[in-house]
Amino acid sequence: MKYIIVILLLFIIFSLGSAMFYLVKGQGKSQNTVRFLTVRVTLSVLLFLFIILAAKMGWIETHVPQFLNP
């Protein structure tokens, strides 16, 4: 489970780096910048939903701080 999350985070970072590269290279006129930023946002939303699903299914454990635990 941890490996899936780490791999998705690496793809998000790669997409962000690619968008920055095309932004600098094309001076903001390239469609690649928009494409890679769209991929990054989509991957971030999917990762967030996957973490929520994994917590609900019991695949990962959430840790609640002691002062929040009633």
N, C-alpha and C. Protein backbone atom coordinates (compact mmCIF):
# COMPACT_ATOMS: atom_id res chain seq x y z
N MET A 1 0.83 -1.18 0.00
CA MET A 1 0.00 0.00 0.00
C MET A 1 0.88 1.26 0.00
N LYS A 2 1.92 1.22 0.80
CA LYS A 2 2.81 2.38 0.86
C LYS A 2 3.48 2.64 -0.48
N TYR A 3 3.78 1.55 -1.18
CA TYR A 3 4.47 1.69 -2.46
C TYR A 3 3.59 2.38 -3.49
N ILE A 4 2.30 2.09 -3.48
CA ILE A 4 1.37 2.74 -4.41
C ILE A 4 1.33 4.24 -4.15
N ILE A 5 1.27 4.61 -2.89
CA ILE A 5 1.22 6.03 -2.53
C ILE A 5 2.52 6.74 -2.92
N VAL A 6 3.64 6.09 -2.67
CA VAL A 6 4.93 6.69 -3.01
C VAL A 6 5.07 6.83 -4.53
N ILE A 7 4.64 5.82 -5.27
CA ILE A 7 4.73 5.89 -6.74
C ILE A 7 3.85 7.01 -7.28
N LEU A 8 2.64 7.15 -6.74
CA LEU A 8 1.77 8.25 -7.18
C LEU A 8 2.38 9.60 -6.84
N LEU A 9 2.98 9.72 -5.66
CA LEU A 9 3.63 10.98 -5.30
C LEU A 9 4.79 11.28 -6.25
N LEU A 10 5.54 10.27 -6.64
CA LEU A 10 6.65 10.49 -7.58
C LEU A 10 6.13 10.93 -8.95
N PHE A 11 5.02 10.34 -9.41
CA PHE A 11 4.42 10.77 -10.67
C PHE A 11 3.93 12.22 -10.58
N ILE A 12 3.39 12.60 -9.43
CA ILE A 12 2.93 13.98 -9.24
C ILE A 12 4.11 14.94 -9.31
N ILE A 13 5.20 14.59 -8.65
CA ILE A 13 6.40 15.45 -8.67
C ILE A 13 6.99 15.52 -10.08
N PHE A 14 7.01 14.38 -10.79
CA PHE A 14 7.51 14.36 -12.16
C PHE A 14 6.67 15.25 -13.07
N SER A 15 5.36 15.17 -12.91
CA SER A 15 4.46 15.98 -13.72
C SER A 15 4.65 17.47 -13.44
N LEU A 16 4.83 17.80 -12.17
CA LEU A 16 5.07 19.20 -11.81
C LEU A 16 6.39 19.69 -12.40
N GLY A 17 7.43 18.86 -12.35
CA GLY A 17 8.72 19.22 -12.95
C GLY A 17 8.63 19.38 -14.45
N SER A 18 7.89 18.49 -15.09
CA SER A 18 7.71 18.60 -16.55
C SER A 18 6.98 19.87 -16.93
N ALA A 19 5.96 20.22 -16.15
CA ALA A 19 5.22 21.45 -16.42
C ALA A 19 6.14 22.66 -16.27
N MET A 20 6.99 22.65 -15.25
CA MET A 20 7.92 23.76 -15.04
C MET A 20 8.91 23.85 -16.20
N PHE A 21 9.39 22.69 -16.67
CA PHE A 21 10.33 22.66 -17.79
C PHE A 21 9.71 23.28 -19.03
N TYR A 22 8.48 22.86 -19.36
CA TYR A 22 7.83 23.40 -20.56
C TYR A 22 7.42 24.86 -20.38
N LEU A 23 7.15 25.28 -19.14
CA LEU A 23 6.84 26.68 -18.89
C LEU A 23 8.06 27.55 -19.17
N VAL A 24 9.22 27.11 -18.70
CA VAL A 24 10.46 27.88 -18.91
C VAL A 24 10.90 27.80 -20.37
N LYS A 25 10.83 26.60 -20.95
CA LYS A 25 11.30 26.39 -22.32
C LYS A 25 10.41 27.14 -23.32
N GLY A 26 9.11 27.06 -23.16
CA GLY A 26 8.21 27.67 -24.13
C GLY A 26 7.74 29.05 -23.73
N GLN A 27 8.22 29.58 -22.63
CA GLN A 27 7.85 30.89 -22.10
C GLN A 27 6.34 31.02 -21.94
N GLY A 28 5.69 29.93 -21.51
CA GLY A 28 4.27 29.96 -21.21
C GLY A 28 3.35 29.81 -22.39
N LYS A 29 3.90 29.60 -23.57
CA LYS A 29 3.07 29.51 -24.78
C LYS A 29 2.78 28.07 -25.18
N SER A 30 3.34 27.12 -24.47
CA SER A 30 3.20 25.72 -24.85
C SER A 30 1.97 25.09 -24.20
N GLN A 31 1.29 24.24 -24.95
CA GLN A 31 0.15 23.50 -24.41
C GLN A 31 0.62 22.40 -23.47
N ASN A 32 1.89 22.01 -23.55
CA ASN A 32 2.41 20.96 -22.68
C ASN A 32 2.35 21.37 -21.21
N THR A 33 2.53 22.64 -20.92
CA THR A 33 2.45 23.12 -19.55
C THR A 33 1.06 22.85 -18.98
N VAL A 34 0.06 23.20 -19.72
CA VAL A 34 -1.33 22.99 -19.27
C VAL A 34 -1.61 21.51 -19.14
N ARG A 35 -1.13 20.72 -20.08
CA ARG A 35 -1.37 19.28 -20.06
C ARG A 35 -0.75 18.65 -18.81
N PHE A 36 0.50 18.97 -18.50
CA PHE A 36 1.15 18.38 -17.35
C PHE A 36 0.57 18.88 -16.03
N LEU A 37 0.14 20.12 -15.98
CA LEU A 37 -0.51 20.61 -14.76
C LEU A 37 -1.87 19.94 -14.56
N THR A 38 -2.57 19.67 -15.65
CA THR A 38 -3.83 18.93 -15.56
C THR A 38 -3.60 17.51 -15.06
N VAL A 39 -2.56 16.88 -15.55
CA VAL A 39 -2.21 15.54 -15.08
C VAL A 39 -1.86 15.57 -13.59
N ARG A 40 -1.13 16.59 -13.16
CA ARG A 40 -0.76 16.69 -11.75
C ARG A 40 -1.98 16.84 -10.86
N VAL A 41 -2.90 17.70 -11.24
CA VAL A 41 -4.10 17.91 -10.44
C VAL A 41 -4.94 16.63 -10.40
N THR A 42 -5.08 15.97 -11.55
CA THR A 42 -5.84 14.72 -11.60
C THR A 42 -5.21 13.65 -10.71
N LEU A 43 -3.90 13.50 -10.78
CA LEU A 43 -3.22 12.52 -9.94
C LEU A 43 -3.36 12.86 -8.46
N SER A 44 -3.30 14.13 -8.13
CA SER A 44 -3.45 14.54 -6.73
C SER A 44 -4.83 14.21 -6.20
N VAL A 45 -5.86 14.46 -7.00
CA VAL A 45 -7.23 14.14 -6.58
C VAL A 45 -7.39 12.63 -6.45
N LEU A 46 -6.86 11.87 -7.41
CA LEU A 46 -6.95 10.41 -7.33
C LEU A 46 -6.22 9.86 -6.11
N LEU A 47 -5.06 10.44 -5.79
CA LEU A 47 -4.33 10.00 -4.60
C LEU A 47 -5.13 10.28 -3.34
N PHE A 48 -5.72 11.45 -3.26
CA PHE A 48 -6.54 11.82 -2.11
C PHE A 48 -7.71 10.85 -1.95
N LEU A 49 -8.41 10.56 -3.05
CA LEU A 49 -9.54 9.63 -2.99
C LEU A 49 -9.09 8.22 -2.66
N PHE A 50 -7.92 7.82 -3.17
CA PHE A 50 -7.39 6.49 -2.86
C PHE A 50 -7.06 6.35 -1.38
N ILE A 51 -6.50 7.39 -0.79
CA ILE A 51 -6.16 7.35 0.64
C ILE A 51 -7.44 7.27 1.48
N ILE A 52 -8.47 8.01 1.09
CA ILE A 52 -9.74 7.92 1.81
C ILE A 52 -10.34 6.52 1.68
N LEU A 53 -10.33 5.96 0.47
CA LEU A 53 -10.86 4.62 0.25
C LEU A 53 -10.06 3.58 1.04
N ALA A 54 -8.75 3.69 1.03
CA ALA A 54 -7.90 2.74 1.75
C ALA A 54 -8.15 2.81 3.25
N ALA A 55 -8.39 3.99 3.77
CA ALA A 55 -8.68 4.13 5.20
C ALA A 55 -10.03 3.52 5.53
N LYS A 56 -11.03 3.74 4.67
CA LYS A 56 -12.37 3.18 4.91
C LYS A 56 -12.38 1.66 4.81
N MET A 57 -11.58 1.10 3.89
CA MET A 57 -11.54 -0.34 3.70
C MET A 57 -10.65 -1.04 4.72
N GLY A 58 -9.87 -0.27 5.48
CA GLY A 58 -9.00 -0.86 6.48
C GLY A 58 -7.64 -1.29 5.94
N TRP A 59 -7.33 -0.86 4.72
CA TRP A 59 -6.04 -1.21 4.14
C TRP A 59 -4.90 -0.45 4.81
N ILE A 60 -5.19 0.76 5.28
CA ILE A 60 -4.21 1.55 6.03
C ILE A 60 -4.88 2.00 7.32
N GLU A 61 -4.08 2.23 8.33
CA GLU A 61 -4.59 2.68 9.61
C GLU A 61 -4.36 4.17 9.75
N THR A 62 -5.38 4.85 10.25
CA THR A 62 -5.21 6.27 10.55
C THR A 62 -4.87 6.41 12.02
N HIS A 63 -4.09 7.39 12.34
CA HIS A 63 -3.67 7.63 13.72
C HIS A 63 -4.23 8.97 14.18
N VAL A 64 -5.10 8.91 15.15
CA VAL A 64 -5.72 10.11 15.69
C VAL A 64 -4.92 10.52 16.93
N PRO A 65 -4.54 11.80 17.02
CA PRO A 65 -3.82 12.24 18.22
C PRO A 65 -4.65 12.00 19.47
N GLN A 66 -3.99 11.76 20.58
CA GLN A 66 -4.65 11.41 21.84
C GLN A 66 -5.62 12.49 22.30
N PHE A 67 -5.29 13.76 22.10
CA PHE A 67 -6.16 14.82 22.59
C PHE A 67 -7.43 14.95 21.75
N LEU A 68 -7.47 14.34 20.56
CA LEU A 68 -8.69 14.36 19.75
C LEU A 68 -9.55 13.12 19.96
N ASN A 69 -9.00 12.11 20.61
CA ASN A 69 -9.71 10.87 20.83
C ASN A 69 -10.63 11.01 22.05
N PRO A 70 -11.96 10.89 21.86
CA PRO A 70 -12.87 11.10 22.99
C PRO A 70 -12.83 9.96 23.98
